[in-house]
Amino acid sequence: MIPKKLHRVVFAFIMSMFMSFIMSFIITYINMGFVEHFIEIWLEAFIKAFVCAFPLVFIFAPIANKLALKLIKDEK
């Protein structure tokens, strides 16, 4: 198992993987449609997107979490 101290890294990895995978598929489809070699084109876009997304999620997820907590009304 992965140590708890690496939670932030693991979370950023998983979140960026899901988001890059889905968004690269959608954008590739919007831009090209289901063309020949679609899978190869999409996977290349996914890899490029993931390389960018991982550090961005790692940096911005804690900031987004703090902002969300400020916007949530405490129900007491």
N, C-alpha and C. Protein backbone atom coordinates (compact mmCIF):
# COMPACT_ATOMS: atom_id res chain seq x y z
N MET A 1 0.83 -1.19 0.00
CA MET A 1 0.00 0.00 0.00
C MET A 1 0.87 1.25 0.00
N ILE A 2 0.29 2.32 -0.44
CA ILE A 2 0.99 3.60 -0.53
C ILE A 2 0.84 4.33 0.81
N PRO A 3 1.92 4.93 1.33
CA PRO A 3 1.84 5.64 2.60
C PRO A 3 0.89 6.85 2.53
N LYS A 4 0.24 7.15 3.64
CA LYS A 4 -0.72 8.24 3.70
C LYS A 4 -0.09 9.59 3.36
N LYS A 5 1.19 9.76 3.66
CA LYS A 5 1.85 11.04 3.39
C LYS A 5 1.90 11.36 1.89
N LEU A 6 1.69 10.36 1.04
CA LEU A 6 1.69 10.57 -0.41
C LEU A 6 0.28 10.76 -0.99
N HIS A 7 -0.69 10.94 -0.11
CA HIS A 7 -2.08 11.08 -0.55
C HIS A 7 -2.25 12.16 -1.62
N ARG A 8 -1.65 13.32 -1.39
CA ARG A 8 -1.80 14.43 -2.33
C ARG A 8 -1.27 14.08 -3.72
N VAL A 9 -0.15 13.39 -3.78
CA VAL A 9 0.44 13.00 -5.06
C VAL A 9 -0.44 11.95 -5.76
N VAL A 10 -0.90 10.97 -4.99
CA VAL A 10 -1.75 9.92 -5.56
C VAL A 10 -3.07 10.51 -6.05
N PHE A 11 -3.66 11.39 -5.24
CA PHE A 11 -4.91 12.05 -5.64
C PHE A 11 -4.70 12.82 -6.94
N ALA A 12 -3.64 13.63 -7.03
CA ALA A 12 -3.38 14.42 -8.23
C ALA A 12 -3.16 13.52 -9.45
N PHE A 13 -2.46 12.41 -9.24
CA PHE A 13 -2.22 11.47 -10.33
C PHE A 13 -3.53 10.89 -10.86
N ILE A 14 -4.36 10.41 -9.95
CA ILE A 14 -5.64 9.78 -10.35
C ILE A 14 -6.58 10.80 -10.98
N MET A 15 -6.73 11.95 -10.35
CA MET A 15 -7.64 12.98 -10.88
C MET A 15 -7.18 13.46 -12.25
N SER A 16 -5.90 13.73 -12.41
CA SER A 16 -5.41 14.20 -13.71
C SER A 16 -5.51 13.11 -14.77
N MET A 17 -5.35 11.86 -14.36
CA MET A 17 -5.49 10.74 -15.31
C MET A 17 -6.93 10.68 -15.84
N PHE A 18 -7.91 10.70 -14.93
CA PHE A 18 -9.32 10.66 -15.36
C PHE A 18 -9.68 11.86 -16.23
N MET A 19 -9.32 13.05 -15.77
CA MET A 19 -9.69 14.25 -16.51
C MET A 19 -9.02 14.31 -17.89
N SER A 20 -7.75 13.99 -17.95
CA SER A 20 -7.04 14.00 -19.23
C SER A 20 -7.61 12.97 -20.19
N PHE A 21 -7.91 11.79 -19.66
CA PHE A 21 -8.44 10.71 -20.48
C PHE A 21 -9.77 11.11 -21.12
N ILE A 22 -10.66 11.64 -20.31
CA ILE A 22 -12.00 11.99 -20.79
C ILE A 22 -11.96 13.23 -21.68
N MET A 23 -11.28 14.27 -21.21
CA MET A 23 -11.26 15.53 -21.96
C MET A 23 -10.52 15.39 -23.30
N SER A 24 -9.43 14.64 -23.32
CA SER A 24 -8.72 14.47 -24.59
C SER A 24 -9.59 13.71 -25.60
N PHE A 25 -10.37 12.74 -25.11
CA PHE A 25 -11.29 12.02 -25.99
C PHE A 25 -12.32 12.98 -26.57
N ILE A 26 -12.94 13.78 -25.71
CA ILE A 26 -14.00 14.69 -26.15
C ILE A 26 -13.46 15.72 -27.14
N ILE A 27 -12.34 16.34 -26.81
CA ILE A 27 -11.79 17.37 -27.69
C ILE A 27 -11.30 16.78 -29.01
N THR A 28 -10.70 15.61 -28.97
CA THR A 28 -10.26 14.96 -30.21
C THR A 28 -11.47 14.64 -31.08
N TYR A 29 -12.53 14.13 -30.47
CA TYR A 29 -13.75 13.83 -31.24
C TYR A 29 -14.37 15.09 -31.82
N ILE A 30 -14.45 16.15 -31.03
CA ILE A 30 -15.03 17.41 -31.52
C ILE A 30 -14.22 17.94 -32.70
N ASN A 31 -12.92 17.91 -32.59
CA ASN A 31 -12.06 18.48 -33.63
C ASN A 31 -11.95 17.61 -34.88
N MET A 32 -12.03 16.29 -34.73
CA MET A 32 -11.73 15.41 -35.86
C MET A 32 -12.86 14.46 -36.23
N GLY A 33 -13.75 14.16 -35.28
CA GLY A 33 -14.73 13.11 -35.51
C GLY A 33 -14.04 11.76 -35.41
N PHE A 34 -14.79 10.70 -35.68
CA PHE A 34 -14.20 9.35 -35.64
C PHE A 34 -13.51 9.07 -36.97
N VAL A 35 -12.30 9.54 -37.09
CA VAL A 35 -11.52 9.34 -38.32
C VAL A 35 -10.67 8.08 -38.18
N GLU A 36 -10.05 7.72 -39.31
CA GLU A 36 -9.12 6.60 -39.27
C GLU A 36 -7.98 6.95 -38.31
N HIS A 37 -7.54 5.99 -37.54
CA HIS A 37 -6.48 6.16 -36.54
C HIS A 37 -6.90 7.06 -35.37
N PHE A 38 -8.21 7.15 -35.14
CA PHE A 38 -8.71 8.00 -34.05
C PHE A 38 -8.08 7.62 -32.71
N ILE A 39 -8.01 6.35 -32.43
CA ILE A 39 -7.48 5.89 -31.13
C ILE A 39 -6.04 6.34 -30.94
N GLU A 40 -5.22 6.19 -31.97
CA GLU A 40 -3.82 6.61 -31.85
C GLU A 40 -3.70 8.12 -31.64
N ILE A 41 -4.50 8.89 -32.39
CA ILE A 41 -4.48 10.34 -32.25
C ILE A 41 -4.94 10.74 -30.86
N TRP A 42 -6.01 10.10 -30.39
CA TRP A 42 -6.55 10.41 -29.07
C TRP A 42 -5.54 10.06 -27.97
N LEU A 43 -4.92 8.89 -28.05
CA LEU A 43 -3.97 8.50 -27.01
C LEU A 43 -2.75 9.42 -26.99
N GLU A 44 -2.33 9.90 -28.15
CA GLU A 44 -1.23 10.87 -28.17
C GLU A 44 -1.66 12.16 -27.48
N ALA A 45 -2.88 12.61 -27.75
CA ALA A 45 -3.40 13.81 -27.10
C ALA A 45 -3.53 13.58 -25.59
N PHE A 46 -3.97 12.39 -25.20
CA PHE A 46 -4.11 12.06 -23.78
C PHE A 46 -2.77 12.15 -23.06
N ILE A 47 -1.74 11.58 -23.63
CA ILE A 47 -0.42 11.61 -22.99
C ILE A 47 0.06 13.04 -22.82
N LYS A 48 -0.10 13.86 -23.85
CA LYS A 48 0.30 15.26 -23.76
C LYS A 48 -0.51 16.00 -22.71
N ALA A 49 -1.81 15.73 -22.67
CA ALA A 49 -2.68 16.39 -21.70
C ALA A 49 -2.33 15.96 -20.28
N PHE A 50 -2.04 14.69 -20.09
CA PHE A 50 -1.72 14.19 -18.76
C PHE A 50 -0.42 14.81 -18.23
N VAL A 51 0.55 14.95 -19.10
CA VAL A 51 1.83 15.55 -18.70
C VAL A 51 1.61 16.97 -18.19
N CYS A 52 0.68 17.68 -18.77
CA CYS A 52 0.34 19.04 -18.31
C CYS A 52 -0.57 19.00 -17.08
N ALA A 53 -1.55 18.12 -17.10
CA ALA A 53 -2.58 18.10 -16.06
C ALA A 53 -2.05 17.67 -14.70
N PHE A 54 -1.15 16.73 -14.66
CA PHE A 54 -0.68 16.21 -13.36
C PHE A 54 -0.08 17.31 -12.48
N PRO A 55 0.88 18.07 -12.96
CA PRO A 55 1.42 19.12 -12.08
C PRO A 55 0.39 20.21 -11.78
N LEU A 56 -0.49 20.50 -12.74
CA LEU A 56 -1.51 21.52 -12.49
C LEU A 56 -2.49 21.10 -11.41
N VAL A 57 -2.94 19.85 -11.46
CA VAL A 57 -3.84 19.35 -10.41
C VAL A 57 -3.11 19.33 -9.07
N PHE A 58 -1.87 18.91 -9.08
CA PHE A 58 -1.09 18.86 -7.84
C PHE A 58 -1.00 20.26 -7.20
N ILE A 59 -0.84 21.28 -8.03
CA ILE A 59 -0.72 22.65 -7.52
C ILE A 59 -2.08 23.25 -7.15
N PHE A 60 -3.08 23.08 -8.01
CA PHE A 60 -4.32 23.82 -7.85
C PHE A 60 -5.42 23.10 -7.06
N ALA A 61 -5.34 21.81 -6.87
CA ALA A 61 -6.38 21.11 -6.10
C ALA A 61 -6.48 21.63 -4.67
N PRO A 62 -5.39 21.83 -3.95
CA PRO A 62 -5.51 22.38 -2.59
C PRO A 62 -6.11 23.79 -2.58
N ILE A 63 -5.78 24.59 -3.57
CA ILE A 63 -6.33 25.94 -3.67
C ILE A 63 -7.84 25.87 -3.92
N ALA A 64 -8.24 25.01 -4.85
CA ALA A 64 -9.66 24.84 -5.15
C ALA A 64 -10.42 24.32 -3.93
N ASN A 65 -9.80 23.42 -3.19
CA ASN A 65 -10.44 22.89 -1.98
C ASN A 65 -10.65 24.00 -0.95
N LYS A 66 -9.66 24.86 -0.74
CA LYS A 66 -9.79 25.98 0.22
C LYS A 66 -10.88 26.95 -0.23
N LEU A 67 -10.94 27.25 -1.52
CA LEU A 67 -11.98 28.13 -2.04
C LEU A 67 -13.37 27.52 -1.86
N ALA A 68 -13.48 26.23 -2.14
CA ALA A 68 -14.77 25.55 -1.98
C ALA A 68 -15.22 25.57 -0.53
N LEU A 69 -14.29 25.34 0.39
CA LEU A 69 -14.64 25.36 1.81
C LEU A 69 -15.11 26.74 2.25
N LYS A 70 -14.57 27.80 1.66
CA LYS A 70 -15.01 29.15 1.98
C LYS A 70 -16.41 29.43 1.44
N LEU A 71 -16.77 28.78 0.33
CA LEU A 71 -18.08 29.01 -0.28
C LEU A 71 -19.19 28.17 0.33
N ILE A 72 -18.82 27.12 1.03
CA ILE A 72 -19.82 26.22 1.62
C ILE A 72 -20.32 26.81 2.94
N LYS A 73 -21.63 26.83 3.09
CA LYS A 73 -22.24 27.34 4.31
C LYS A 73 -22.21 26.25 5.37
N ASP A 74 -21.71 26.63 6.54
CA ASP A 74 -21.67 25.70 7.66
C ASP A 74 -23.07 25.54 8.23
N GLU A 75 -23.59 24.33 8.27
CA GLU A 75 -24.96 24.07 8.75
C GLU A 75 -24.94 23.67 10.22
N LYS A 76 -25.05 24.65 11.09
CA LYS A 76 -25.08 24.36 12.53
C LYS A 76 -26.43 24.65 13.09
